[in-house]
Amino acid sequence: MLNLTSPMRVQLIYTVTRAQNFVRCFATPLPNSMVVFPLDIFFNICDELASRGDVASLRALSLACKSLVPLCQRNLFKKIAFDNEGPKKQTALTNLSAAVKYSPHILTYVCSCQYTAHVTDLKLEPFLLGLATILIQLDRLSDLCLVGGGSGIFDWILFSNDSRPAVQKFRDAIDCVLKMPQMIRLEVSFITNFPATSFVCRAKALDLEECGPSFATVTIIDCSTAMVASSAQELRIPEVLSYHADFGITPRSAHRRARAAVTIDGRAYFQLADSLVHLVDFKELRSFTVSVGQVESALHLQSILCSASSLEEFGIYAYSLQGLEVLKKTISLGCFRKITTLKIAFFALESSDNDALPLLCDGLERLSGLNALQHLYLKICDVDATLSHCNCGLKHEGHCHLNRLGNSVTPSTFPDLRKFEFLLLIEQRDSTMDPAVAGIIRQQHSFLFPLLRTMDGLQFNSSIEYLESYS
């Protein structure tokens, strides 16, 4: 029990071992001291402050006790960022360089670095030179984030085509970072023509996220290189284990983002010209989440699903009937028999989407009895109650599409189901929904999935929400 009235002096001696990257703390009580604090207490305090983003408190703590400086630095310098534009960016680098000059070990704490590229950076040669010097010293860096600044998309060719020594050294430093063995995550946002080959070619297996025309995140899972022989050349084609993609809603974006299938030595691969990872192998794909809207992207989706023989988790955000039609067709081909988690979200944008619920029911009914599903998540976003009120009068309850959906998912059709979630989200454009209609929909919803509601061992959650005040 700590006696707060007695004098207490505890001397903490820290030995920082860079090779193993940890801090040893020996609590040495001086005479008349009755208490020795465990090191975990200080670690937990600093980690808690860092998790809250409380930089001010960490700085104050490091100033309050010299012995706690290494613990605070470990969190303060875990991530460094150069997000400002012009002189402010140079000032941030100058301050960091000054700190490194007196405490060079702080660079061993840096695990993540973010740099926002502006066109004006090309005029800041001292900044590019200083940043290059810092980057090549980050021997623990595992996460690099590059963001295009300004109002538009930043073209990395501005760096690639510049022959000035400072710019060239900066390019070389970025390439050196991408080749570092501990580098496992690369994020590129609002930047085009970024050369990521030196990073991607290190991967045998990776996770890939592509959203929008100029956003991608690549995480290396297995760093051993996969070599695939080809008659033309030796190609290094990584296996994708997890893929999150936005194939686009409009025809133009769908054509640009969807991955096209190619055949090399009799094996199907997929390519996208403007991606960080130009050529990938989906055979070992385990998790796949996609947003799809147009026919072109739906066809590419079908090709990927048919090639992903190891798929266990699949999620689709469909903004048109084509996405649900592809889902129904691939289920018929037997592509979903190994899937344990299935998430389907459909967004009815127009009244012409009335066939969405029948398509969804057809797909689920074809999947019944031939599945290993443990988690099923269904979300229907309905505009102006176009879907949920279609043929939905109380006298026509047996013919309602929602009722059919409720009867499509039962313990007998999905015997391994352990978790089920259903959300009906109704968006009102004119905010004039008839209260009687809202009441019918609520009553209809209360009778959905009757057998699942009483199924033992099943986590069941079914709800209805309104974007306006009709709850």
Protein backbone atom coordinates (compact mmCIF):
# COMPACT_ATOMS: atom_id res chain seq x y z
CA MET A 1 0.00 0.00 0.00
CA LEU A 2 1.50 3.34 -1.03
CA ASN A 3 2.00 5.76 1.87
CA LEU A 4 1.43 9.18 0.29
CA THR A 5 2.65 11.03 3.40
CA SER A 6 6.15 9.56 3.34
CA PRO A 7 8.88 10.98 1.05
CA MET A 8 9.38 8.95 -2.06
CA ARG A 9 12.25 9.08 -4.52
CA VAL A 10 12.52 6.61 -7.32
CA GLN A 11 15.36 6.72 -9.79
CA LEU A 12 14.55 5.13 -13.16
CA ILE A 13 17.47 4.11 -15.28
CA TYR A 14 16.68 3.29 -18.90
CA THR A 15 18.94 1.46 -21.25
CA VAL A 16 17.86 1.78 -24.86
CA THR A 17 18.94 -1.18 -26.97
CA ARG A 18 18.52 -0.23 -30.64
CA ALA A 19 19.31 -3.66 -32.07
CA GLN A 20 16.33 -5.32 -30.39
CA ASN A 21 14.24 -2.15 -30.36
CA PHE A 22 13.01 -2.15 -26.81
CA VAL A 23 13.55 -0.22 -23.61
CA ARG A 24 14.74 -1.78 -20.40
CA CYS A 25 13.82 -0.07 -17.17
CA PHE A 26 15.46 -0.79 -13.84
CA ALA A 27 13.75 0.78 -10.84
CA THR A 28 16.41 1.53 -8.25
CA PRO A 29 14.98 2.84 -4.99
CA LEU A 30 17.14 5.30 -3.10
CA PRO A 31 17.38 5.25 0.70
CA ASN A 32 14.12 5.92 2.49
CA SER A 33 12.11 4.87 -0.58
CA MET A 34 9.52 2.20 0.05
CA VAL A 35 7.98 1.81 -3.40
CA VAL A 36 9.14 0.56 -6.79
CA PHE A 37 6.82 1.22 -9.74
CA PRO A 38 6.51 -1.54 -12.36
CA LEU A 39 7.61 -0.53 -15.84
CA ASP A 40 4.22 -1.56 -17.24
CA ILE A 41 2.57 1.38 -15.50
CA PHE A 42 4.62 3.91 -17.45
CA PHE A 43 4.22 2.00 -20.70
CA ASN A 44 0.44 1.90 -20.22
CA ILE A 45 0.23 5.60 -19.42
CA CYS A 46 2.18 6.60 -22.53
CA ASP A 47 0.33 4.15 -24.77
CA GLU A 48 -3.04 5.39 -23.51
CA LEU A 49 -2.10 9.01 -24.20
CA ALA A 50 -0.88 8.03 -27.66
CA SER A 51 -4.08 6.10 -28.46
CA ARG A 52 -6.07 9.25 -27.70
CA GLY A 53 -3.78 11.37 -29.84
CA ASP A 54 -2.90 13.48 -26.82
CA VAL A 55 0.41 14.84 -28.09
CA ALA A 56 0.38 17.78 -25.67
CA SER A 57 0.27 15.47 -22.63
CA LEU A 58 3.05 13.27 -23.99
CA ARG A 59 5.22 16.34 -24.50
CA ALA A 60 4.43 17.60 -21.01
CA LEU A 61 5.21 14.19 -19.52
CA SER A 62 8.57 14.06 -21.26
CA LEU A 63 9.42 17.49 -19.84
CA ALA A 64 8.24 16.56 -16.35
CA CYS A 65 10.58 13.58 -15.98
CA LYS A 66 13.79 13.10 -17.93
CA SER A 67 13.70 9.36 -17.34
CA LEU A 68 10.36 9.12 -19.17
CA VAL A 69 11.66 10.81 -22.31
CA PRO A 70 12.39 7.54 -24.20
CA LEU A 71 8.88 6.21 -23.52
CA CYS A 72 7.28 9.43 -24.69
CA GLN A 73 9.52 9.65 -27.76
CA ARG A 74 8.54 6.12 -28.70
CA ASN A 75 4.97 7.36 -29.19
CA LEU A 76 5.62 10.92 -30.30
CA PHE A 77 7.78 9.83 -33.22
CA LYS A 78 5.93 6.65 -34.16
CA LYS A 79 4.44 8.53 -37.10
CA ILE A 80 5.83 11.57 -38.88
CA ALA A 81 3.89 13.61 -41.44
CA PHE A 82 4.67 16.42 -43.85
CA ASP A 83 1.21 17.64 -44.82
CA ASN A 84 1.66 21.38 -45.08
CA GLU A 85 2.48 23.37 -48.17
CA GLY A 86 5.42 25.66 -48.86
CA PRO A 87 7.40 27.20 -45.96
CA LYS A 88 5.42 25.36 -43.26
CA LYS A 89 6.56 22.05 -44.69
CA GLN A 90 10.16 23.23 -44.64
CA THR A 91 9.76 24.38 -41.03
CA ALA A 92 8.45 20.95 -39.98
CA LEU A 93 11.44 19.26 -41.57
CA THR A 94 13.86 21.74 -39.98
CA ASN A 95 12.43 21.04 -36.53
CA LEU A 96 12.69 17.28 -37.04
CA SER A 97 16.25 17.54 -38.34
CA ALA A 98 17.24 19.59 -35.30
CA ALA A 99 15.78 16.98 -32.96
CA VAL A 100 17.56 14.18 -34.84
CA LYS A 101 20.85 16.03 -34.58
CA TYR A 102 20.78 15.86 -30.77
CA SER A 103 18.84 12.59 -30.45
CA PRO A 104 19.53 10.45 -33.53
CA HIS A 105 17.89 7.42 -31.90
CA ILE A 106 14.40 8.93 -32.34
CA LEU A 107 14.40 7.81 -35.98
CA THR A 108 14.36 4.21 -34.74
CA TYR A 109 10.87 4.87 -33.37
CA VAL A 110 9.41 5.95 -36.72
CA CYS A 111 7.12 3.25 -38.15
CA SER A 112 4.89 5.37 -40.39
CA CYS A 113 5.54 8.33 -42.67
CA GLN A 114 3.08 10.47 -44.61
CA TYR A 115 4.05 12.93 -47.31
CA THR A 116 1.65 15.22 -49.17
CA ALA A 117 3.04 16.18 -52.56
CA HIS A 118 2.37 19.64 -53.97
CA VAL A 119 3.49 21.13 -57.25
CA THR A 120 5.25 23.84 -55.25
CA ASP A 121 7.50 21.19 -53.68
CA LEU A 122 9.51 21.14 -56.90
CA LYS A 123 10.76 24.61 -55.96
CA LEU A 124 11.80 23.51 -52.47
CA GLU A 125 15.06 21.75 -53.29
CA PRO A 126 16.47 22.04 -49.73
CA PHE A 127 13.28 20.43 -48.40
CA LEU A 128 13.43 17.52 -50.86
CA LEU A 129 17.10 17.01 -50.09
CA GLY A 130 16.48 17.05 -46.32
CA LEU A 131 13.49 14.73 -46.57
CA ALA A 132 15.53 12.28 -48.65
CA THR A 133 18.20 12.30 -45.94
CA ILE A 134 15.61 11.48 -43.28
CA LEU A 135 13.87 8.76 -45.32
CA ILE A 136 16.96 6.64 -45.92
CA GLN A 137 17.60 6.53 -42.15
CA LEU A 138 14.18 5.11 -41.25
CA ASP A 139 15.26 1.50 -40.85
CA ARG A 140 12.04 0.60 -38.98
CA LEU A 141 9.62 2.23 -41.40
CA SER A 142 6.84 -0.19 -42.35
CA ASP A 143 4.10 2.15 -43.61
CA LEU A 144 4.44 4.85 -46.28
CA CYS A 145 1.53 7.09 -47.26
CA LEU A 146 1.78 9.43 -50.25
CA VAL A 147 -1.01 11.92 -50.90
CA GLY A 148 -1.50 14.34 -53.75
CA GLY A 149 -2.07 17.85 -52.44
CA GLY A 150 -3.91 20.75 -54.02
CA SER A 151 -7.27 20.81 -55.73
CA GLY A 152 -6.57 18.12 -58.34
CA ILE A 153 -4.63 14.92 -58.89
CA PHE A 154 -0.86 15.09 -58.52
CA ASP A 155 1.09 13.52 -61.38
CA TRP A 156 4.25 11.82 -60.11
CA ILE A 157 5.83 12.31 -63.54
CA LEU A 158 6.65 15.82 -62.34
CA PHE A 159 9.21 14.17 -60.07
CA SER A 160 10.20 11.43 -62.50
CA ASN A 161 11.08 13.84 -65.31
CA ASP A 162 13.03 16.31 -63.17
CA SER A 163 16.81 15.87 -63.45
CA ARG A 164 17.91 18.23 -60.68
CA PRO A 165 20.15 16.52 -58.07
CA ALA A 166 17.83 17.26 -55.12
CA VAL A 167 14.78 15.84 -56.90
CA GLN A 168 16.73 12.83 -58.10
CA LYS A 169 17.98 12.12 -54.59
CA PHE A 170 14.40 12.35 -53.31
CA ARG A 171 13.23 9.85 -55.95
CA ASP A 172 16.08 7.52 -55.05
CA ALA A 173 15.17 7.78 -51.36
CA ILE A 174 11.54 6.83 -52.07
CA ASP A 175 12.71 3.88 -54.14
CA CYS A 176 15.12 2.86 -51.37
CA VAL A 177 12.27 2.93 -48.82
CA LEU A 178 10.07 0.76 -51.03
CA LYS A 179 12.82 -1.86 -51.17
CA MET A 180 13.38 -1.99 -47.41
CA PRO A 181 12.55 -5.48 -46.09
CA GLN A 182 10.40 -4.18 -43.22
CA MET A 183 8.22 -2.06 -45.54
CA ILE A 184 4.88 -3.87 -45.83
CA ARG A 185 2.26 -1.16 -46.49
CA LEU A 186 2.04 1.46 -49.25
CA GLU A 187 -0.86 3.87 -49.62
CA VAL A 188 -1.13 6.24 -52.58
CA SER A 189 -4.00 8.76 -52.79
CA PHE A 190 -4.76 11.35 -55.47
CA ILE A 191 -1.51 10.54 -57.25
CA THR A 192 -1.14 9.08 -60.72
CA ASN A 193 1.80 7.39 -62.44
CA PHE A 194 3.50 6.44 -59.19
CA PRO A 195 6.21 3.79 -59.81
CA ALA A 196 5.49 1.09 -57.23
CA THR A 197 7.19 -1.78 -59.05
CA SER A 198 10.12 -2.01 -56.62
CA PHE A 199 7.62 -2.49 -53.78
CA VAL A 200 5.11 -4.81 -55.47
CA CYS A 201 7.75 -7.13 -56.96
CA ARG A 202 8.82 -8.11 -53.43
CA ALA A 203 5.42 -9.66 -52.73
CA LYS A 204 4.31 -13.22 -53.20
CA ALA A 205 0.99 -12.51 -51.48
CA LEU A 206 -0.66 -9.19 -50.70
CA ASP A 207 -3.88 -7.41 -49.75
CA LEU A 208 -5.10 -4.82 -52.24
CA GLU A 209 -7.59 -1.98 -51.86
CA GLU A 210 -8.58 0.18 -54.82
CA CYS A 211 -11.20 2.88 -54.41
CA GLY A 212 -11.77 5.66 -56.89
CA PRO A 213 -9.58 6.58 -59.85
CA SER A 214 -6.42 7.35 -57.90
CA PHE A 215 -6.48 5.62 -54.53
CA ALA A 216 -4.81 2.33 -53.66
CA THR A 217 -3.42 0.59 -50.62
CA VAL A 218 -1.09 -2.40 -50.93
CA THR A 219 -0.16 -4.51 -47.90
CA ILE A 220 2.42 -7.25 -48.35
CA ILE A 221 1.50 -10.48 -46.56
CA ASP A 222 4.30 -12.71 -47.84
CA CYS A 223 7.54 -11.07 -48.94
CA SER A 224 8.99 -14.02 -50.82
CA THR A 225 8.93 -13.37 -54.55
CA ALA A 226 6.65 -15.38 -56.84
CA MET A 227 8.20 -16.04 -60.22
CA VAL A 228 5.98 -17.14 -63.08
CA ALA A 229 7.68 -18.09 -66.34
CA SER A 230 6.34 -16.73 -69.59
CA SER A 231 7.40 -17.10 -73.19
CA ALA A 232 7.95 -13.37 -73.43
CA GLN A 233 9.53 -12.61 -70.09
CA GLU A 234 9.64 -13.60 -66.45
CA LEU A 235 6.68 -12.01 -64.70
CA ARG A 236 6.41 -11.45 -61.01
CA ILE A 237 2.70 -11.83 -60.37
CA PRO A 238 1.58 -11.56 -56.72
CA GLU A 239 -1.30 -13.51 -55.28
CA VAL A 240 -4.05 -11.34 -53.83
CA LEU A 241 -5.52 -12.68 -50.58
CA SER A 242 -7.87 -9.78 -49.84
CA TYR A 243 -9.29 -7.43 -52.46
CA HIS A 244 -11.42 -4.35 -51.90
CA ALA A 245 -12.40 -2.66 -55.15
CA ASP A 246 -14.61 0.11 -56.45
CA PHE A 247 -15.51 -0.80 -60.02
CA GLY A 248 -17.46 2.42 -60.41
CA ILE A 249 -21.10 3.38 -60.81
CA THR A 250 -20.93 5.33 -64.07
CA PRO A 251 -19.93 3.60 -67.35
CA ARG A 252 -16.78 5.70 -67.61
CA SER A 253 -15.54 4.91 -64.11
CA ALA A 254 -16.51 1.25 -64.49
CA HIS A 255 -14.47 0.94 -67.67
CA ARG A 256 -11.50 2.58 -65.99
CA ARG A 257 -11.51 0.66 -62.73
CA ALA A 258 -12.65 -2.89 -63.51
CA ARG A 259 -9.86 -5.40 -63.90
CA ALA A 260 -9.73 -7.16 -67.26
CA ALA A 261 -8.84 -10.85 -67.52
CA VAL A 262 -5.74 -11.94 -69.43
CA THR A 263 -4.34 -15.42 -70.07
CA ILE A 264 -0.64 -16.24 -69.65
CA ASP A 265 0.57 -19.79 -70.20
CA GLY A 266 -3.01 -21.04 -69.98
CA ARG A 267 -3.69 -19.38 -66.63
CA ALA A 268 -6.05 -16.46 -66.00
CA TYR A 269 -4.68 -13.26 -64.47
CA PHE A 270 -6.14 -9.79 -64.15
CA GLN A 271 -4.71 -6.43 -65.04
CA LEU A 272 -5.48 -2.74 -64.66
CA ALA A 273 -3.26 -0.22 -66.41
CA ASP A 274 -3.60 2.63 -63.89
CA SER A 275 -3.21 0.52 -60.74
CA LEU A 276 -0.22 0.22 -58.42
CA VAL A 277 -0.41 -3.54 -59.03
CA HIS A 278 -0.75 -3.98 -62.77
CA LEU A 279 -1.07 -7.77 -62.89
CA VAL A 280 -2.49 -10.00 -60.14
CA ASP A 281 -3.49 -13.58 -59.44
CA PHE A 282 -6.87 -14.11 -57.74
CA LYS A 283 -6.71 -17.89 -57.45
CA GLU A 284 -5.89 -17.74 -53.72
CA LEU A 285 -8.28 -14.86 -53.01
CA ARG A 286 -9.82 -15.29 -49.55
CA SER A 287 -11.75 -12.03 -49.04
CA PHE A 288 -13.37 -9.90 -51.75
CA THR A 289 -15.44 -6.73 -51.34
CA VAL A 290 -16.61 -4.80 -54.38
CA SER A 291 -18.81 -1.89 -55.42
CA VAL A 292 -20.37 -2.43 -58.84
CA GLY A 293 -22.83 -0.51 -60.95
CA GLN A 294 -22.56 -1.05 -64.70
CA VAL A 295 -22.65 -4.00 -67.09
CA GLU A 296 -18.94 -3.75 -67.94
CA SER A 297 -17.84 -3.93 -64.32
CA ALA A 298 -20.36 -6.69 -63.56
CA LEU A 299 -18.82 -8.89 -66.26
CA HIS A 300 -15.34 -8.39 -64.82
CA LEU A 301 -16.72 -9.22 -61.39
CA GLN A 302 -18.02 -12.51 -62.72
CA SER A 303 -14.58 -13.39 -64.15
CA ILE A 304 -12.88 -12.73 -60.82
CA LEU A 305 -15.43 -14.74 -58.84
CA CYS A 306 -15.11 -17.71 -61.18
CA SER A 307 -11.32 -17.71 -60.82
CA ALA A 308 -11.27 -17.29 -57.01
CA SER A 309 -11.54 -20.93 -56.00
CA SER A 310 -10.50 -20.26 -52.37
CA LEU A 311 -12.92 -17.42 -51.64
CA GLU A 312 -14.26 -17.45 -48.06
CA GLU A 313 -15.66 -13.94 -47.61
CA PHE A 314 -17.53 -11.92 -50.22
CA GLY A 315 -19.27 -8.57 -50.00
CA ILE A 316 -21.01 -6.69 -52.81
CA TYR A 317 -22.41 -3.17 -52.91
CA ALA A 318 -24.68 -3.20 -55.96
CA TYR A 319 -25.96 0.04 -57.44
CA SER A 320 -27.78 -1.58 -60.35
CA LEU A 321 -29.56 -4.79 -61.22
CA GLN A 322 -26.50 -6.02 -63.15
CA GLY A 323 -24.60 -6.61 -59.92
CA LEU A 324 -27.38 -8.81 -58.53
CA GLU A 325 -27.71 -10.65 -61.84
CA VAL A 326 -24.00 -11.51 -61.77
CA LEU A 327 -24.35 -12.63 -58.16
CA LYS A 328 -27.23 -14.93 -59.12
CA LYS A 329 -25.31 -16.35 -62.08
CA THR A 330 -22.09 -17.04 -60.18
CA ILE A 331 -24.07 -18.76 -57.43
CA SER A 332 -25.60 -20.99 -60.12
CA LEU A 333 -22.07 -21.87 -61.27
CA GLY A 334 -21.22 -23.14 -57.79
CA CYS A 335 -18.69 -20.39 -57.00
CA PHE A 336 -20.06 -19.75 -53.50
CA ARG A 337 -20.03 -23.21 -51.95
CA LYS A 338 -16.95 -22.52 -49.77
CA ILE A 339 -17.95 -19.03 -48.70
CA THR A 340 -18.57 -18.62 -44.97
CA THR A 341 -19.37 -14.89 -44.92
CA LEU A 342 -21.65 -13.21 -47.45
CA LYS A 343 -22.59 -9.52 -47.35
CA ILE A 344 -25.02 -8.12 -49.91
CA ALA A 345 -26.06 -4.48 -50.06
CA PHE A 346 -28.33 -3.15 -52.80
CA PHE A 347 -29.09 0.52 -53.36
CA ALA A 348 -32.30 1.15 -55.30
CA LEU A 349 -31.66 4.37 -57.15
CA GLU A 350 -34.68 4.41 -59.43
CA SER A 351 -38.21 3.03 -59.48
CA SER A 352 -37.12 0.76 -62.35
CA ASP A 353 -35.19 -1.30 -59.79
CA ASN A 354 -38.34 -3.17 -58.73
CA ASP A 355 -36.80 -6.46 -59.85
CA ALA A 356 -34.02 -6.22 -57.26
CA LEU A 357 -35.73 -8.21 -54.51
CA PRO A 358 -36.81 -11.05 -56.84
CA LEU A 359 -33.23 -11.27 -58.14
CA LEU A 360 -31.88 -11.38 -54.61
CA CYS A 361 -34.37 -14.06 -53.66
CA ASP A 362 -33.47 -16.12 -56.74
CA GLY A 363 -29.79 -15.99 -55.78
CA LEU A 364 -30.35 -16.97 -52.16
CA GLU A 365 -32.68 -19.80 -53.14
CA ARG A 366 -30.09 -21.20 -55.54
CA LEU A 367 -27.50 -21.00 -52.79
CA SER A 368 -29.67 -22.84 -50.29
CA GLY A 369 -28.56 -26.34 -49.37
CA LEU A 370 -25.21 -25.93 -51.20
CA ASN A 371 -23.39 -23.59 -48.86
CA ALA A 372 -21.25 -23.35 -45.75
CA LEU A 373 -22.46 -19.88 -44.78
CA GLN A 374 -21.96 -18.90 -41.16
CA HIS A 375 -22.56 -15.15 -41.46
CA LEU A 376 -25.14 -13.58 -43.80
CA TYR A 377 -25.64 -9.82 -43.97
CA LEU A 378 -28.34 -8.23 -46.14
CA LYS A 379 -28.88 -4.51 -46.60
CA ILE A 380 -31.56 -3.01 -48.83
CA CYS A 381 -31.42 0.74 -49.33
CA ASP A 382 -34.84 1.68 -50.69
CA VAL A 383 -35.65 5.08 -52.21
CA ASP A 384 -39.19 6.32 -51.52
CA ALA A 385 -40.20 2.78 -50.44
CA THR A 386 -40.03 1.70 -54.08
CA LEU A 387 -39.13 -1.88 -53.17
CA SER A 388 -40.63 -2.41 -49.76
CA HIS A 389 -44.07 -1.02 -50.67
CA CYS A 390 -44.29 -2.78 -54.05
CA ASN A 391 -47.33 -5.13 -53.90
CA CYS A 392 -47.14 -4.70 -50.16
CA GLY A 393 -50.72 -4.16 -49.09
CA LEU A 394 -51.95 -6.13 -46.13
CA LYS A 395 -54.33 -8.08 -48.38
CA HIS A 396 -51.46 -9.09 -50.66
CA GLU A 397 -48.99 -10.12 -47.96
CA GLY A 398 -48.41 -13.56 -49.47
CA HIS A 399 -47.22 -12.01 -52.73
CA CYS A 400 -44.87 -9.45 -51.22
CA HIS A 401 -41.24 -9.59 -52.29
CA LEU A 402 -40.10 -8.98 -48.74
CA ASN A 403 -42.06 -11.97 -47.54
CA ARG A 404 -40.42 -14.10 -50.18
CA LEU A 405 -37.05 -12.86 -49.00
CA GLY A 406 -37.96 -13.78 -45.44
CA ASN A 407 -38.88 -17.30 -46.54
CA SER A 408 -35.69 -17.71 -48.58
CA VAL A 409 -33.45 -17.76 -45.51
CA THR A 410 -34.34 -20.55 -43.09
CA PRO A 411 -32.48 -22.97 -40.81
CA SER A 412 -32.96 -25.75 -43.35
CA THR A 413 -31.60 -23.76 -46.32
CA PHE A 414 -28.63 -22.39 -44.34
CA PRO A 415 -27.90 -25.04 -41.71
CA ASP A 416 -24.48 -23.67 -40.65
CA LEU A 417 -25.68 -20.10 -40.15
CA ARG A 418 -24.49 -18.59 -36.87
CA LYS A 419 -25.04 -14.88 -37.45
CA PHE A 420 -27.70 -13.11 -39.51
CA GLU A 421 -28.18 -9.36 -40.02
CA PHE A 422 -30.82 -7.60 -42.09
CA LEU A 423 -31.24 -3.86 -42.54
CA LEU A 424 -33.99 -2.17 -44.54
CA LEU A 425 -32.98 1.45 -45.03
CA ILE A 426 -35.64 3.70 -46.55
CA GLU A 427 -34.64 7.06 -47.96
CA GLN A 428 -37.35 9.64 -48.53
CA ARG A 429 -36.63 12.19 -51.23
CA ASP A 430 -39.68 14.41 -50.66
CA SER A 431 -40.20 13.67 -46.95
CA THR A 432 -43.90 13.04 -47.49
CA MET A 433 -44.29 9.35 -46.74
CA ASP A 434 -47.81 8.42 -45.82
CA PRO A 435 -47.85 7.33 -42.14
CA ALA A 436 -50.11 4.45 -43.15
CA VAL A 437 -47.45 3.20 -45.58
CA ALA A 438 -44.79 3.46 -42.89
CA GLY A 439 -47.01 1.43 -40.59
CA ILE A 440 -47.54 -1.26 -43.23
CA ILE A 441 -43.80 -1.54 -43.81
CA ARG A 442 -43.10 -1.83 -40.07
CA GLN A 443 -45.75 -4.51 -39.71
CA GLN A 444 -44.40 -6.32 -42.76
CA HIS A 445 -40.91 -6.21 -41.31
CA SER A 446 -42.03 -7.69 -37.99
CA PHE A 447 -43.10 -10.90 -39.77
CA LEU A 448 -39.88 -11.35 -41.77
CA PHE A 449 -37.61 -14.38 -41.20
CA PRO A 450 -39.97 -16.13 -38.76
CA LEU A 451 -37.95 -19.34 -38.54
CA LEU A 452 -34.64 -17.56 -37.97
CA ARG A 453 -36.06 -15.56 -35.08
CA THR A 454 -36.48 -18.75 -33.04
CA MET A 455 -33.35 -20.58 -34.25
CA ASP A 456 -31.12 -21.74 -31.37
CA GLY A 457 -27.51 -20.54 -31.37
CA LEU A 458 -28.12 -17.85 -34.01
CA GLN A 459 -27.22 -14.20 -33.51
CA PHE A 460 -30.22 -12.56 -35.14
CA ASN A 461 -30.60 -8.86 -35.86
CA SER A 462 -33.22 -7.38 -38.17
CA SER A 463 -34.05 -3.69 -38.27
CA ILE A 464 -35.65 -0.97 -40.36
CA GLU A 465 -34.38 2.61 -40.52
CA TYR A 466 -35.54 5.82 -42.17
CA LEU A 467 -33.23 8.59 -43.23
CA GLU A 468 -36.01 11.03 -42.30
CA SER A 469 -38.14 11.14 -39.14
CA TYR A 470 -40.35 8.14 -39.89
CA SER A 471 -39.02 5.70 -37.36
